[in-house]
């Protein structure tokens, strides 16, 4: 019962919880913006090209 009273009365973790909620909303907003704008596809293509070049180089087929 004491633990329950402490959880209701204490406000030590309140700030951290608020920042976590704000961070979650910011991340959600960025994620939605990236999905809607199509920039995600561009980023995926860039990383795929880098991965393909790295795989080719690892196989001894560097074009340098």
C-alpha atoms as a PDB file:
ATOM      1  CA  UNK A   1       0.000   0.000   0.000  1.00  0.00           C
ATOM      2  CA  UNK A   2       2.897   2.349   0.756  1.00  0.00           C
ATOM      3  CA  UNK A   3       4.303   1.757  -2.732  1.00  0.00           C
ATOM      4  CA  UNK A   4       1.016   2.754  -4.327  1.00  0.00           C
ATOM      5  CA  UNK A   5       0.875   5.955  -2.270  1.00  0.00           C
ATOM      6  CA  UNK A   6       4.468   6.800  -3.254  1.00  0.00           C
ATOM      7  CA  UNK A   7       3.701   6.269  -6.948  1.00  0.00           C
ATOM      8  CA  UNK A   8       0.783   8.679  -6.749  1.00  0.00           C
ATOM      9  CA  UNK A   9       2.534  11.366  -4.685  1.00  0.00           C
ATOM     10  CA  UNK A  10       6.109  11.401  -6.038  1.00  0.00           C
ATOM     11  CA  UNK A  11       6.858  13.315  -9.222  1.00  0.00           C
ATOM     12  CA  UNK A  12      10.530  12.384  -9.710  1.00  0.00           C
ATOM     13  CA  UNK A  13      10.030  10.456 -12.947  1.00  0.00           C
ATOM     14  CA  UNK A  14       7.433  12.794 -14.400  1.00  0.00           C
ATOM     15  CA  UNK A  15       9.935  14.861 -16.405  1.00  0.00           C
ATOM     16  CA  UNK A  16      11.532  11.809 -17.970  1.00  0.00           C
ATOM     17  CA  UNK A  17       8.124  10.453 -18.941  1.00  0.00           C
ATOM     18  CA  UNK A  18       7.167  13.732 -20.580  1.00  0.00           C
ATOM     19  CA  UNK A  19      10.408  13.877 -22.542  1.00  0.00           C
ATOM     20  CA  UNK A  20       9.920  10.268 -23.652  1.00  0.00           C
ATOM     21  CA  UNK A  21       6.422  11.066 -24.909  1.00  0.00           C
ATOM     22  CA  UNK A  22       7.640  14.166 -26.753  1.00  0.00           C
ATOM     23  CA  UNK A  23      10.492  12.188 -28.309  1.00  0.00           C
ATOM     24  CA  UNK A  24       8.052   9.488 -29.397  1.00  0.00           C
ATOM     25  CA  UNK A  25       5.813  12.067 -31.075  1.00  0.00           C
ATOM     26  CA  UNK A  26       8.773  13.693 -32.836  1.00  0.00           C
ATOM     27  CA  UNK A  27       9.971  10.320 -34.118  1.00  0.00           C
ATOM     28  CA  UNK A  28       6.458   9.448 -35.278  1.00  0.00           C
ATOM     29  CA  UNK A  29       6.204  12.768 -37.110  1.00  0.00           C
ATOM     30  CA  UNK A  30       9.546  12.280 -38.850  1.00  0.00           C
ATOM     31  CA  UNK A  31       8.627   8.717 -39.801  1.00  0.00           C
ATOM     32  CA  UNK A  32       5.322   9.830 -41.329  1.00  0.00           C
ATOM     33  CA  UNK A  33       7.030  12.687 -43.199  1.00  0.00           C
ATOM     34  CA  UNK A  34       9.655  10.343 -44.649  1.00  0.00           C
ATOM     35  CA  UNK A  35       7.018   7.810 -45.685  1.00  0.00           C
ATOM     36  CA  UNK A  36       4.827  10.450 -47.348  1.00  0.00           C
ATOM     37  CA  UNK A  37       7.609  12.313 -49.148  1.00  0.00           C
ATOM     38  CA  UNK A  38       9.228   9.305 -50.801  1.00  0.00           C
ATOM     39  CA  UNK A  39      12.659  10.242 -49.464  1.00  0.00           C
ATOM     40  CA  UNK A  40      12.774   6.805 -47.854  1.00  0.00           C
ATOM     41  CA  UNK A  41      13.058   5.190 -51.299  1.00  0.00           C
ATOM     42  CA  UNK A  42      15.969   7.458 -52.207  1.00  0.00           C
ATOM     43  CA  UNK A  43      17.792   6.614 -48.994  1.00  0.00           C
ATOM     44  CA  UNK A  44      17.178   2.905 -49.574  1.00  0.00           C
ATOM     45  CA  UNK A  45      18.645   3.148 -53.091  1.00  0.00           C
ATOM     46  CA  UNK A  46      21.740   4.934 -51.802  1.00  0.00           C
ATOM     47  CA  UNK A  47      22.386   2.333 -49.107  1.00  0.00           C
ATOM     48  CA  UNK A  48      21.746  -0.499 -51.561  1.00  0.00           C
ATOM     49  CA  UNK A  49      24.299   0.960 -53.975  1.00  0.00           C
ATOM     50  CA  UNK A  50      26.848   1.314 -51.174  1.00  0.00           C
ATOM     51  CA  UNK A  51      26.187  -2.271 -50.044  1.00  0.00           C
ATOM     52  CA  UNK A  52      26.560  -3.626 -53.582  1.00  0.00           C
ATOM     53  CA  UNK A  53      29.852  -1.777 -54.059  1.00  0.00           C
ATOM     54  CA  UNK A  54      31.119  -2.996 -50.676  1.00  0.00           C
ATOM     55  CA  UNK A  55      30.153  -6.584 -51.498  1.00  0.00           C
ATOM     56  CA  UNK A  56      31.927  -6.324 -54.850  1.00  0.00           C
ATOM     57  CA  UNK A  57      35.049  -4.951 -53.186  1.00  0.00           C
ATOM     58  CA  UNK A  58      34.966  -7.671 -50.536  1.00  0.00           C
ATOM     59  CA  UNK A  59      34.910 -10.216 -53.337  1.00  0.00           C
ATOM     60  CA  UNK A  60      38.100  -8.735 -54.805  1.00  0.00           C
ATOM     61  CA  UNK A  61      36.382  -6.875 -57.612  1.00  0.00           C
ATOM     62  CA  UNK A  62      37.159  -3.277 -56.633  1.00  0.00           C
ATOM     63  CA  UNK A  63      37.044  -0.906 -59.547  1.00  0.00           C
ATOM     64  CA  UNK A  64      39.884   1.262 -58.201  1.00  0.00           C
END
